[in-house]
PDB file of all heavy atoms in Angstrom:
ATOM      1  N   ILE A   1      -8.685  45.218  16.725  1.00  0.00           N
ATOM      2  CA  ILE A   1      -7.467  45.480  17.387  1.00  0.00           C
ATOM      3  C   ILE A   1      -7.738  45.148  18.873  1.00  0.00           C
ATOM      4  O   ILE A   1      -8.698  45.756  19.447  1.00  0.00           O
ATOM      5  CB  ILE A   1      -7.068  46.959  17.199  1.00  0.00           C
ATOM      6  CG1 ILE A   1      -7.070  47.362  15.698  1.00  0.00           C
ATOM      7  CG2 ILE A   1      -5.699  47.134  17.748  1.00  0.00           C
ATOM      8  CD1 ILE A   1      -6.139  46.563  14.782  1.00  0.00           C
ATOM      9  N   THR A   2      -6.886  44.340  19.389  1.00  0.00           N
ATOM     10  CA  THR A   2      -7.112  43.959  20.815  1.00  0.00           C
ATOM     11  C   THR A   2      -5.864  44.059  21.631  1.00  0.00           C
ATOM     12  O   THR A   2      -4.732  44.037  21.059  1.00  0.00           O
ATOM     13  CB  THR A   2      -7.697  42.472  20.924  1.00  0.00           C
ATOM     14  OG1 THR A   2      -6.763  41.594  20.325  1.00  0.00           O
ATOM     15  CG2 THR A   2      -9.050  42.396  20.195  1.00  0.00           C
ATOM     16  N   TYR A   3      -5.981  43.988  22.973  1.00  0.00           N
ATOM     17  CA  TYR A   3      -4.822  43.841  23.861  1.00  0.00           C
ATOM     18  C   TYR A   3      -4.570  42.324  24.012  1.00  0.00           C
ATOM     19  O   TYR A   3      -5.375  41.504  23.688  1.00  0.00           O
ATOM     20  CB  TYR A   3      -5.189  44.471  25.194  1.00  0.00           C
ATOM     21  CG  TYR A   3      -5.283  45.993  25.170  1.00  0.00           C
ATOM     22  CD1 TYR A   3      -6.526  46.639  25.277  1.00  0.00           C
ATOM     23  CD2 TYR A   3      -4.119  46.804  24.917  1.00  0.00           C
ATOM     24  CE1 TYR A   3      -6.656  48.015  25.242  1.00  0.00           C
ATOM     25  CE2 TYR A   3      -4.343  48.238  24.868  1.00  0.00           C
ATOM     26  CZ  TYR A   3      -5.512  48.709  25.106  1.00  0.00           C
ATOM     27  OH  TYR A   3      -5.641  50.126  24.975  1.00  0.00           O
ATOM     28  N   PRO A   4      -3.422  41.953  24.663  1.00  0.00           N
ATOM     29  CA  PRO A   4      -3.113  40.561  24.862  1.00  0.00           C
ATOM     30  C   PRO A   4      -4.208  39.760  25.583  1.00  0.00           C
ATOM     31  O   PRO A   4      -4.371  38.521  25.391  1.00  0.00           O
ATOM     32  CB  PRO A   4      -1.769  40.610  25.634  1.00  0.00           C
ATOM     33  CG  PRO A   4      -1.153  41.898  25.265  1.00  0.00           C
ATOM     34  CD  PRO A   4      -2.344  42.848  25.023  1.00  0.00           C
ATOM     35  N   ASP A   5      -4.937  40.407  26.461  1.00  0.00           N
ATOM     36  CA  ASP A   5      -5.934  39.729  27.257  1.00  0.00           C
ATOM     37  C   ASP A   5      -7.324  39.582  26.452  1.00  0.00           C
ATOM     38  O   ASP A   5      -8.283  39.164  27.034  1.00  0.00           O
ATOM     39  CB  ASP A   5      -6.235  40.400  28.611  1.00  0.00           C
ATOM     40  CG  ASP A   5      -6.600  41.801  28.461  1.00  0.00           C
ATOM     41  OD1 ASP A   5      -6.853  42.321  27.355  1.00  0.00           O
ATOM     42  OD2 ASP A   5      -6.808  42.515  29.524  1.00  0.00           O
ATOM     43  N   GLY A   6      -7.327  40.076  25.220  1.00  0.00           N
ATOM     44  CA  GLY A   6      -8.515  39.954  24.388  1.00  0.00           C
ATOM     45  C   GLY A   6      -9.447  41.165  24.439  1.00  0.00           C
ATOM     46  O   GLY A   6     -10.425  41.308  23.710  1.00  0.00           O
ATOM     47  N   GLU A   7      -9.113  42.158  25.370  1.00  0.00           N
ATOM     48  CA  GLU A   7      -9.943  43.381  25.396  1.00  0.00           C
ATOM     49  C   GLU A   7      -9.691  44.243  24.242  1.00  0.00           C
ATOM     50  O   GLU A   7      -8.629  44.342  23.664  1.00  0.00           O
ATOM     51  CB  GLU A   7      -9.620  44.157  26.757  1.00  0.00           C
ATOM     52  CG  GLU A   7     -10.085  43.510  27.995  1.00  0.00           C
ATOM     53  CD  GLU A   7     -11.616  43.516  28.070  1.00  0.00           C
ATOM     54  OE1 GLU A   7     -12.282  44.444  27.808  1.00  0.00           O
ATOM     55  OE2 GLU A   7     -12.155  42.357  28.298  1.00  0.00           O
ATOM     56  N   PRO A   8     -10.809  44.926  23.718  1.00  0.00           N
ATOM     57  CA  PRO A   8     -10.687  45.702  22.516  1.00  0.00           C
ATOM     58  C   PRO A   8      -9.945  47.002  22.786  1.00  0.00           C
ATOM     59  O   PRO A   8      -9.973  47.600  23.846  1.00  0.00           O
ATOM     60  CB  PRO A   8     -12.163  46.037  22.158  1.00  0.00           C
ATOM     61  CG  PRO A   8     -12.929  45.951  23.479  1.00  0.00           C
ATOM     62  CD  PRO A   8     -12.199  44.853  24.247  1.00  0.00           C
ATOM     63  N   VAL A   9      -9.213  47.438  21.739  1.00  0.00           N
ATOM     64  CA  VAL A   9      -8.512  48.734  21.750  1.00  0.00           C
ATOM     65  C   VAL A   9      -9.419  49.764  21.159  1.00  0.00           C
ATOM     66  O   VAL A   9      -9.697  49.734  19.916  1.00  0.00           O
ATOM     67  CB  VAL A   9      -7.161  48.641  21.070  1.00  0.00           C
ATOM     68  CG1 VAL A   9      -6.473  49.978  21.149  1.00  0.00           C
ATOM     69  CG2 VAL A   9      -6.319  47.571  21.612  1.00  0.00           C
ATOM     70  N   ILE A  10      -9.936  50.704  21.958  1.00  0.00           N
ATOM     71  CA  ILE A  10     -10.889  51.669  21.398  1.00  0.00           C
ATOM     72  C   ILE A  10     -10.179  52.951  20.923  1.00  0.00           C
ATOM     73  O   ILE A  10      -9.261  53.446  21.547  1.00  0.00           O
ATOM     74  CB  ILE A  10     -11.861  52.114  22.504  1.00  0.00           C
ATOM     75  CG1 ILE A  10     -12.634  50.886  23.054  1.00  0.00           C
ATOM     76  CG2 ILE A  10     -12.812  53.135  22.025  1.00  0.00           C
ATOM     77  CD1 ILE A  10     -13.435  51.144  24.257  1.00  0.00           C
ATOM     78  N   GLY A  11     -10.470  53.404  19.767  1.00  0.00           N
ATOM     79  CA  GLY A  11      -9.891  54.611  19.141  1.00  0.00           C
ATOM     80  C   GLY A  11      -8.508  54.402  18.578  1.00  0.00           C
ATOM     81  O   GLY A  11      -7.820  55.383  18.338  1.00  0.00           O
ATOM     82  N   ALA A  12      -8.065  53.138  18.356  1.00  0.00           N
ATOM     83  CA  ALA A  12      -6.778  52.943  17.686  1.00  0.00           C
ATOM     84  C   ALA A  12      -6.844  53.404  16.260  1.00  0.00           C
ATOM     85  O   ALA A  12      -7.910  53.351  15.583  1.00  0.00           O
ATOM     86  CB  ALA A  12      -6.462  51.459  17.737  1.00  0.00           C
ATOM     87  N   LYS A  13      -5.760  53.881  15.712  1.00  0.00           N
ATOM     88  CA  LYS A  13      -5.642  54.333  14.333  1.00  0.00           C
ATOM     89  C   LYS A  13      -5.000  53.290  13.455  1.00  0.00           C
ATOM     90  O   LYS A  13      -3.913  52.866  13.730  1.00  0.00           O
ATOM     91  CB  LYS A  13      -4.880  55.685  14.225  1.00  0.00           C
ATOM     92  CG  LYS A  13      -5.593  56.820  14.936  1.00  0.00           C
ATOM     93  CD  LYS A  13      -6.927  57.111  14.266  1.00  0.00           C
ATOM     94  CE  LYS A  13      -7.616  58.233  14.974  1.00  0.00           C
ATOM     95  NZ  LYS A  13      -6.926  59.541  14.855  1.00  0.00           N
ATOM     96  N   VAL A  14      -5.811  52.855  12.499  1.00  0.00           N
ATOM     97  CA  VAL A  14      -5.357  51.710  11.623  1.00  0.00           C
ATOM     98  C   VAL A  14      -5.187  52.260  10.211  1.00  0.00           C
ATOM     99  O   VAL A  14      -6.050  52.950   9.648  1.00  0.00           O
ATOM    100  CB  VAL A  14      -6.381  50.605  11.551  1.00  0.00           C
ATOM    101  CG1 VAL A  14      -5.859  49.424  10.854  1.00  0.00           C
ATOM    102  CG2 VAL A  14      -6.807  50.225  13.025  1.00  0.00           C
ATOM    103  N   SER A  15      -4.070  51.955   9.617  1.00  0.00           N
ATOM    104  CA  SER A  15      -3.685  52.480   8.250  1.00  0.00           C
ATOM    105  C   SER A  15      -3.390  51.343   7.281  1.00  0.00           C
ATOM    106  O   SER A  15      -2.902  50.239   7.635  1.00  0.00           O
ATOM    107  CB  SER A  15      -2.402  53.345   8.321  1.00  0.00           C
ATOM    108  OG  SER A  15      -2.622  54.437   9.187  1.00  0.00           O
ATOM    109  N   ALA A  16      -3.746  51.571   6.017  1.00  0.00           N
ATOM    110  CA  ALA A  16      -3.482  50.609   4.956  1.00  0.00           C
ATOM    111  C   ALA A  16      -2.428  51.215   4.030  1.00  0.00           C
ATOM    112  O   ALA A  16      -2.616  52.285   3.459  1.00  0.00           O
ATOM    113  CB  ALA A  16      -4.738  50.293   4.206  1.00  0.00           C
ATOM    114  N   LEU A  17      -1.306  50.507   3.851  1.00  0.00           N
ATOM    115  CA  LEU A  17      -0.232  50.949   2.992  1.00  0.00           C
ATOM    116  C   LEU A  17      -0.302  50.139   1.716  1.00  0.00           C
ATOM    117  O   LEU A  17      -0.272  48.899   1.790  1.00  0.00           O
ATOM    118  CB  LEU A  17       1.129  50.842   3.647  1.00  0.00           C
ATOM    119  CG  LEU A  17       1.299  51.528   5.006  1.00  0.00           C
ATOM    120  CD1 LEU A  17       2.689  51.199   5.651  1.00  0.00           C
ATOM    121  CD2 LEU A  17       1.159  53.011   4.810  1.00  0.00           C
ATOM    122  N   ILE A  18      -0.365  50.723   0.505  1.00  0.00           N
ATOM    123  CA  ILE A  18      -0.381  50.036  -0.744  1.00  0.00           C
ATOM    124  C   ILE A  18       0.961  50.116  -1.415  1.00  0.00           C
ATOM    125  O   ILE A  18       1.742  51.071  -1.274  1.00  0.00           O
ATOM    126  CB  ILE A  18      -1.436  50.704  -1.662  1.00  0.00           C
ATOM    127  CG1 ILE A  18      -1.689  49.849  -2.897  1.00  0.00           C
ATOM    128  CG2 ILE A  18      -1.103  52.134  -2.038  1.00  0.00           C
ATOM    129  CD1 ILE A  18      -2.825  50.235  -3.755  1.00  0.00           C
ATOM    130  N   LYS A  19       1.316  49.006  -2.117  1.00  0.00           N
ATOM    131  CA  LYS A  19       2.626  48.937  -2.789  1.00  0.00           C
ATOM    132  C   LYS A  19       2.522  49.661  -4.132  1.00  0.00           C
ATOM    133  O   LYS A  19       1.715  49.335  -4.998  1.00  0.00           O
ATOM    134  CB  LYS A  19       2.981  47.476  -3.001  1.00  0.00           C
ATOM    135  CG  LYS A  19       4.458  47.288  -3.420  1.00  0.00           C
ATOM    136  CD  LYS A  19       4.887  45.841  -3.447  1.00  0.00           C
ATOM    137  CE  LYS A  19       6.327  45.699  -3.784  1.00  0.00           C
ATOM    138  NZ  LYS A  19       6.719  44.260  -3.751  1.00  0.00           N
ATOM    139  N   ARG A  20       3.416  50.606  -4.318  1.00  0.00           N
ATOM    140  CA  ARG A  20       3.521  51.371  -5.573  1.00  0.00           C
ATOM    141  C   ARG A  20       5.009  51.134  -6.126  1.00  0.00           C
ATOM    142  O   ARG A  20       5.900  51.818  -5.676  1.00  0.00           O
ATOM    143  CB  ARG A  20       3.267  52.842  -5.380  1.00  0.00           C
ATOM    144  CG  ARG A  20       1.941  53.241  -4.854  1.00  0.00           C
ATOM    145  CD  ARG A  20       0.839  52.905  -5.814  1.00  0.00           C
ATOM    146  NE  ARG A  20      -0.457  53.528  -5.464  1.00  0.00           N
ATOM    147  CZ  ARG A  20      -1.622  53.272  -6.011  1.00  0.00           C
ATOM    148  NH1 ARG A  20      -1.646  52.404  -6.996  1.00  0.00           N
ATOM    149  NH2 ARG A  20      -2.695  53.837  -5.604  1.00  0.00           N
ATOM    150  N   GLY A  21       5.140  50.205  -7.072  1.00  0.00           N
ATOM    151  CA  GLY A  21       6.501  49.887  -7.489  1.00  0.00           C
ATOM    152  C   GLY A  21       7.217  49.162  -6.402  1.00  0.00           C
ATOM    153  O   GLY A  21       6.830  48.144  -5.899  1.00  0.00           O
ATOM    154  N   LYS A  22       8.352  49.777  -5.960  1.00  0.00           N
ATOM    155  CA  LYS A  22       9.126  49.286  -4.859  1.00  0.00           C
ATOM    156  C   LYS A  22       8.876  49.926  -3.567  1.00  0.00           C
ATOM    157  O   LYS A  22       9.548  49.706  -2.522  1.00  0.00           O
ATOM    158  CB  LYS A  22      10.613  49.371  -5.214  1.00  0.00           C
ATOM    159  CG  LYS A  22      11.042  48.516  -6.400  1.00  0.00           C
ATOM    160  CD  LYS A  22      12.532  48.590  -6.690  1.00  0.00           C
ATOM    161  CE  LYS A  22      12.984  47.687  -7.841  1.00  0.00           C
ATOM    162  NZ  LYS A  22      14.404  47.782  -8.060  1.00  0.00           N
ATOM    163  N   ARG A  23       7.880  50.859  -3.562  1.00  0.00           N
ATOM    164  CA  ARG A  23       7.611  51.681  -2.347  1.00  0.00           C
ATOM    165  C   ARG A  23       6.231  51.405  -1.832  1.00  0.00           C
ATOM    166  O   ARG A  23       5.352  51.016  -2.507  1.00  0.00           O
ATOM    167  CB  ARG A  23       7.738  53.193  -2.649  1.00  0.00           C
ATOM    168  CG  ARG A  23       9.091  53.606  -3.144  1.00  0.00           C
ATOM    169  CD  ARG A  23       9.141  55.102  -3.482  1.00  0.00           C
ATOM    170  NE  ARG A  23       8.870  55.853  -2.272  1.00  0.00           N
ATOM    171  CZ  ARG A  23       8.785  57.173  -2.228  1.00  0.00           C
ATOM    172  NH1 ARG A  23       8.870  57.904  -3.398  1.00  0.00           N
ATOM    173  NH2 ARG A  23       8.551  57.863  -1.096  1.00  0.00           N
ATOM    174  N   TRP A  24       6.087  51.624  -0.488  1.00  0.00           N
ATOM    175  CA  TRP A  24       4.791  51.464   0.143  1.00  0.00           C
ATOM    176  C   TRP A  24       4.350  52.856   0.597  1.00  0.00           C
ATOM    177  O   TRP A  24       5.102  53.609   1.142  1.00  0.00           O
ATOM    178  CB  TRP A  24       4.927  50.586   1.436  1.00  0.00           C
ATOM    179  CG  TRP A  24       5.216  49.158   1.119  1.00  0.00           C
ATOM    180  CD1 TRP A  24       6.415  48.569   0.950  1.00  0.00           C
ATOM    181  CD2 TRP A  24       4.248  48.102   0.901  1.00  0.00           C
ATOM    182  NE1 TRP A  24       6.335  47.299   0.642  1.00  0.00           N
ATOM    183  CE2 TRP A  24       4.959  46.932   0.606  1.00  0.00           C
ATOM    184  CE3 TRP A  24       2.891  48.031   0.876  1.00  0.00           C
ATOM    185  CZ2 TRP A  24       4.402  45.707   0.308  1.00  0.00           C
ATOM    186  CZ3 TRP A  24       2.252  46.835   0.618  1.00  0.00           C
ATOM    187  CH2 TRP A  24       3.026  45.670   0.360  1.00  0.00           C
ATOM    188  N   GLN A  25       3.099  53.161   0.337  1.00  0.00           N
ATOM    189  CA  GLN A  25       2.597  54.521   0.712  1.00  0.00           C
ATOM    190  C   GLN A  25       1.227  54.414   1.207  1.00  0.00           C
ATOM    191  O   GLN A  25       0.478  53.541   0.891  1.00  0.00           O
ATOM    192  CB  GLN A  25       2.637  55.456  -0.524  1.00  0.00           C
ATOM    193  CG  GLN A  25       1.730  55.068  -1.676  1.00  0.00           C
ATOM    194  CD  GLN A  25       1.820  55.975  -2.868  1.00  0.00           C
ATOM    195  OE1 GLN A  25       2.971  56.232  -3.323  1.00  0.00           O
ATOM    196  NE2 GLN A  25       0.732  56.445  -3.396  1.00  0.00           N
ATOM    197  N   GLY A  26       0.795  55.416   2.037  1.00  0.00           N
ATOM    198  CA  GLY A  26      -0.462  55.419   2.670  1.00  0.00           C
ATOM    199  C   GLY A  26      -1.552  55.653   1.562  1.00  0.00           C
ATOM    200  O   GLY A  26      -1.381  56.546   0.739  1.00  0.00           O
ATOM    201  N   PHE A  27      -2.600  54.867   1.526  1.00  0.00           N
ATOM    202  CA  PHE A  27      -3.614  54.942   0.506  1.00  0.00           C
ATOM    203  C   PHE A  27      -4.752  55.872   0.956  1.00  0.00           C
ATOM    204  O   PHE A  27      -5.303  56.635   0.110  1.00  0.00           O
ATOM    205  CB  PHE A  27      -4.147  53.605   0.176  1.00  0.00           C
ATOM    206  CG  PHE A  27      -5.125  53.637  -1.012  1.00  0.00           C
ATOM    207  CD1 PHE A  27      -4.667  53.558  -2.286  1.00  0.00           C
ATOM    208  CD2 PHE A  27      -6.473  53.744  -0.819  1.00  0.00           C
ATOM    209  CE1 PHE A  27      -5.501  53.578  -3.355  1.00  0.00           C
ATOM    210  CE2 PHE A  27      -7.354  53.761  -1.850  1.00  0.00           C
ATOM    211  CZ  PHE A  27      -6.858  53.738  -3.124  1.00  0.00           C
ATOM    212  N   SER A  28      -5.048  55.914   2.200  1.00  0.00           N
ATOM    213  CA  SER A  28      -6.219  56.667   2.676  1.00  0.00           C
ATOM    214  C   SER A  28      -5.947  57.147   4.110  1.00  0.00           C
ATOM    215  O   SER A  28      -4.947  56.769   4.688  1.00  0.00           O
ATOM    216  CB  SER A  28      -7.508  55.892   2.645  1.00  0.00           C
ATOM    217  OG  SER A  28      -7.359  54.761   3.460  1.00  0.00           O
ATOM    218  N   GLN A  29      -6.970  57.936   4.630  1.00  0.00           N
ATOM    219  CA  GLN A  29      -6.732  58.401   6.043  1.00  0.00           C
ATOM    220  C   GLN A  29      -6.924  57.231   6.959  1.00  0.00           C
ATOM    221  O   GLN A  29      -7.702  56.308   6.657  1.00  0.00           O
ATOM    222  CB  GLN A  29      -7.846  59.463   6.317  1.00  0.00           C
ATOM    223  CG  GLN A  29      -7.579  60.818   5.551  1.00  0.00           C
ATOM    224  CD  GLN A  29      -6.336  61.484   5.973  1.00  0.00           C
ATOM    225  OE1 GLN A  29      -5.967  61.491   7.160  1.00  0.00           O
ATOM    226  NE2 GLN A  29      -5.710  62.072   5.000  1.00  0.00           N
ATOM    227  N   PRO A  30      -6.229  57.220   8.045  1.00  0.00           N
ATOM    228  CA  PRO A  30      -6.363  56.109   9.051  1.00  0.00           C
ATOM    229  C   PRO A  30      -7.801  55.974   9.554  1.00  0.00           C
ATOM    230  O   PRO A  30      -8.539  56.933   9.616  1.00  0.00           O
ATOM    231  CB  PRO A  30      -5.426  56.488  10.170  1.00  0.00           C
ATOM    232  CG  PRO A  30      -4.390  57.452   9.594  1.00  0.00           C
ATOM    233  CD  PRO A  30      -5.227  58.168   8.564  1.00  0.00           C
ATOM    234  N   ALA A  31      -8.165  54.688   9.760  1.00  0.00           N
ATOM    235  CA  ALA A  31      -9.539  54.490  10.324  1.00  0.00           C
ATOM    236  C   ALA A  31      -9.413  54.261  11.817  1.00  0.00           C
ATOM    237  O   ALA A  31      -8.405  53.690  12.302  1.00  0.00           O
ATOM    238  CB  ALA A  31     -10.139  53.264   9.600  1.00  0.00           C
ATOM    239  N   ALA A  32     -10.422  54.631  12.591  1.00  0.00           N
ATOM    240  CA  ALA A  32     -10.415  54.480  14.054  1.00  0.00           C
ATOM    241  C   ALA A  32     -11.281  53.269  14.446  1.00  0.00           C
ATOM    242  O   ALA A  32     -12.383  53.043  13.861  1.00  0.00           O
ATOM    243  CB  ALA A  32     -10.890  55.748  14.719  1.00  0.00           C
ATOM    244  N   THR A  33     -10.829  52.533  15.419  1.00  0.00           N
ATOM    245  CA  THR A  33     -11.577  51.390  15.889  1.00  0.00           C
ATOM    246  C   THR A  33     -12.758  51.951  16.796  1.00  0.00           C
ATOM    247  O   THR A  33     -12.678  52.968  17.400  1.00  0.00           O
ATOM    248  CB  THR A  33     -10.804  50.467  16.764  1.00  0.00           C
ATOM    249  OG1 THR A  33     -10.169  51.181  17.835  1.00  0.00           O
ATOM    250  CG2 THR A  33      -9.628  49.853  15.881  1.00  0.00           C
ATOM    251  N   ASP A  34     -13.858  51.151  16.786  1.00  0.00           N
ATOM    252  CA  ASP A  34     -15.034  51.532  17.544  1.00  0.00           C
ATOM    253  C   ASP A  34     -14.938  51.011  18.985  1.00  0.00           C
ATOM    254  O   ASP A  34     -13.889  50.523  19.398  1.00  0.00           O
ATOM    255  CB  ASP A  34     -16.352  51.119  16.832  1.00  0.00           C
ATOM    256  CG  ASP A  34     -16.455  49.603  16.656  1.00  0.00           C
ATOM    257  OD1 ASP A  34     -15.623  48.888  17.323  1.00  0.00           O
ATOM    258  OD2 ASP A  34     -17.242  49.146  15.860  1.00  0.00           O
ATOM    259  N   ASP A  35     -16.080  50.934  19.725  1.00  0.00           N
ATOM    260  CA  ASP A  35     -16.048  50.474  21.062  1.00  0.00           C
ATOM    261  C   ASP A  35     -15.809  48.984  21.226  1.00  0.00           C
ATOM    262  O   ASP A  35     -15.644  48.403  22.292  1.00  0.00           O
ATOM    263  CB  ASP A  35     -17.294  50.888  21.799  1.00  0.00           C
ATOM    264  CG  ASP A  35     -18.554  50.311  21.132  1.00  0.00           C
ATOM    265  OD1 ASP A  35     -18.505  50.180  19.873  1.00  0.00           O
ATOM    266  OD2 ASP A  35     -19.534  50.028  21.831  1.00  0.00           O
ATOM    267  N   ARG A  36     -15.900  48.239  20.071  1.00  0.00           N
ATOM    268  CA  ARG A  36     -15.619  46.879  20.055  1.00  0.00           C
ATOM    269  C   ARG A  36     -14.187  46.569  19.537  1.00  0.00           C
ATOM    270  O   ARG A  36     -13.781  45.314  19.410  1.00  0.00           O
ATOM    271  CB  ARG A  36     -16.592  46.136  19.151  1.00  0.00           C
ATOM    272  CG  ARG A  36     -18.074  46.286  19.544  1.00  0.00           C
ATOM    273  CD  ARG A  36     -19.032  45.849  18.501  1.00  0.00           C
ATOM    274  NE  ARG A  36     -18.837  46.723  17.286  1.00  0.00           N
ATOM    275  CZ  ARG A  36     -19.395  46.444  16.121  1.00  0.00           C
ATOM    276  NH1 ARG A  36     -20.161  45.368  15.916  1.00  0.00           N
ATOM    277  NH2 ARG A  36     -19.221  47.287  15.079  1.00  0.00           N
ATOM    278  N   GLY A  37     -13.429  47.604  19.200  1.00  0.00           N
ATOM    279  CA  GLY A  37     -12.163  47.427  18.620  1.00  0.00           C
ATOM    280  C   GLY A  37     -12.090  47.080  17.228  1.00  0.00           C
ATOM    281  O   GLY A  37     -11.052  46.720  16.617  1.00  0.00           O
ATOM    282  N   ILE A  38     -13.211  47.312  16.514  1.00  0.00           N
ATOM    283  CA  ILE A  38     -13.392  46.919  15.098  1.00  0.00           C
ATOM    284  C   ILE A  38     -13.190  48.116  14.219  1.00  0.00           C
ATOM    285  O   ILE A  38     -13.565  49.236  14.538  1.00  0.00           O
ATOM    286  CB  ILE A  38     -14.745  46.290  14.856  1.00  0.00           C
ATOM    287  CG1 ILE A  38     -14.912  44.990  15.574  1.00  0.00           C
ATOM    288  CG2 ILE A  38     -15.012  46.067  13.344  1.00  0.00           C
ATOM    289  CD1 ILE A  38     -16.288  44.279  15.470  1.00  0.00           C
ATOM    290  N   TYR A  39     -12.375  47.949  13.113  1.00  0.00           N
ATOM    291  CA  TYR A  39     -12.182  48.993  12.113  1.00  0.00           C
ATOM    292  C   TYR A  39     -12.621  48.490  10.707  1.00  0.00           C
ATOM    293  O   TYR A  39     -12.733  47.337  10.491  1.00  0.00           O
ATOM    294  CB  TYR A  39     -10.689  49.376  12.094  1.00  0.00           C
ATOM    295  CG  TYR A  39      -9.825  48.322  11.500  1.00  0.00           C
ATOM    296  CD1 TYR A  39      -9.543  48.359  10.146  1.00  0.00           C
ATOM    297  CD2 TYR A  39      -9.281  47.265  12.250  1.00  0.00           C
ATOM    298  CE1 TYR A  39      -8.700  47.393   9.535  1.00  0.00           C
ATOM    299  CE2 TYR A  39      -8.545  46.283  11.668  1.00  0.00           C
ATOM    300  CZ  TYR A  39      -8.234  46.328  10.303  1.00  0.00           C
ATOM    301  OH  TYR A  39      -7.504  45.357   9.717  1.00  0.00           O
ATOM    302  N   ARG A  40     -12.778  49.454   9.849  1.00  0.00           N
ATOM    303  CA  ARG A  40     -13.014  49.125   8.368  1.00  0.00           C
ATOM    304  C   ARG A  40     -12.436  50.316   7.576  1.00  0.00           C
ATOM    305  O   ARG A  40     -12.740  51.469   7.749  1.00  0.00           O
ATOM    306  CB  ARG A  40     -14.509  49.014   8.124  1.00  0.00           C
ATOM    307  CG  ARG A  40     -14.871  48.559   6.711  1.00  0.00           C
ATOM    308  CD  ARG A  40     -16.365  48.205   6.581  1.00  0.00           C
ATOM    309  NE  ARG A  40     -16.688  47.623   5.324  1.00  0.00           N
ATOM    310  CZ  ARG A  40     -17.143  48.221   4.200  1.00  0.00           C
ATOM    311  NH1 ARG A  40     -17.323  49.588   4.362  1.00  0.00           N
ATOM    312  NH2 ARG A  40     -17.426  47.677   3.112  1.00  0.00           N
ATOM    313  N   ILE A  41     -11.605  49.906   6.591  1.00  0.00           N
ATOM    314  CA  ILE A  41     -10.944  50.870   5.734  1.00  0.00           C
ATOM    315  C   ILE A  41     -11.463  50.656   4.349  1.00  0.00           C
ATOM    316  O   ILE A  41     -11.413  49.556   3.764  1.00  0.00           O
ATOM    317  CB  ILE A  41      -9.425  50.657   5.739  1.00  0.00           C
ATOM    318  CG1 ILE A  41      -8.907  50.756   7.142  1.00  0.00           C
ATOM    319  CG2 ILE A  41      -8.767  51.797   4.850  1.00  0.00           C
ATOM    320  CD1 ILE A  41      -7.397  50.560   7.251  1.00  0.00           C
ATOM    321  N   TYR A  42     -12.054  51.707   3.686  1.00  0.00           N
ATOM    322  CA  TYR A  42     -12.598  51.642   2.370  1.00  0.00           C
ATOM    323  C   TYR A  42     -12.776  53.028   1.820  1.00  0.00           C
ATOM    324  O   TYR A  42     -12.759  53.989   2.603  1.00  0.00           O
ATOM    325  CB  TYR A  42     -13.946  50.871   2.433  1.00  0.00           C
ATOM    326  CG  TYR A  42     -15.093  51.751   2.943  1.00  0.00           C
ATOM    327  CD1 TYR A  42     -15.964  52.491   2.135  1.00  0.00           C
ATOM    328  CD2 TYR A  42     -15.269  51.879   4.350  1.00  0.00           C
ATOM    329  CE1 TYR A  42     -16.957  53.213   2.715  1.00  0.00           C
ATOM    330  CE2 TYR A  42     -16.261  52.599   4.891  1.00  0.00           C
ATOM    331  CZ  TYR A  42     -17.127  53.336   4.037  1.00  0.00           C
ATOM    332  OH  TYR A  42     -18.098  54.145   4.522  1.00  0.00           O
ATOM    333  N   PRO A  43     -12.955  53.262   0.500  1.00  0.00           N
ATOM    334  CA  PRO A  43     -12.778  52.255  -0.560  1.00  0.00           C
ATOM    335  C   PRO A  43     -11.299  52.175  -0.887  1.00  0.00           C
ATOM    336  O   PRO A  43     -10.593  53.134  -0.915  1.00  0.00           O
ATOM    337  CB  PRO A  43     -13.599  52.806  -1.697  1.00  0.00           C
ATOM    338  CG  PRO A  43     -13.507  54.286  -1.504  1.00  0.00           C
ATOM    339  CD  PRO A  43     -13.493  54.528  -0.020  1.00  0.00           C
ATOM    340  N   LEU A  44     -10.819  50.915  -1.264  1.00  0.00           N
ATOM    341  CA  LEU A  44      -9.489  50.695  -1.540  1.00  0.00           C
ATOM    342  C   LEU A  44      -9.399  50.085  -2.943  1.00  0.00           C
ATOM    343  O   LEU A  44     -10.206  49.323  -3.396  1.00  0.00           O
ATOM    344  CB  LEU A  44      -8.873  49.668  -0.566  1.00  0.00           C
ATOM    345  CG  LEU A  44      -8.772  50.093   0.851  1.00  0.00           C
ATOM    346  CD1 LEU A  44      -8.302  48.994   1.760  1.00  0.00           C
ATOM    347  CD2 LEU A  44      -7.913  51.363   1.036  1.00  0.00           C
TER     348      LEU A  44
END
């Protein structure tokens, strides 16, 4: 996750929504980006 100038966004909350039939719902708790702006969501 970055800003327009390429700088990382630290502590951003990233969520994965899974499709259940015709609805989208949160699958897990949001993941936070680290000091490089990197996140990882698992297990999915």
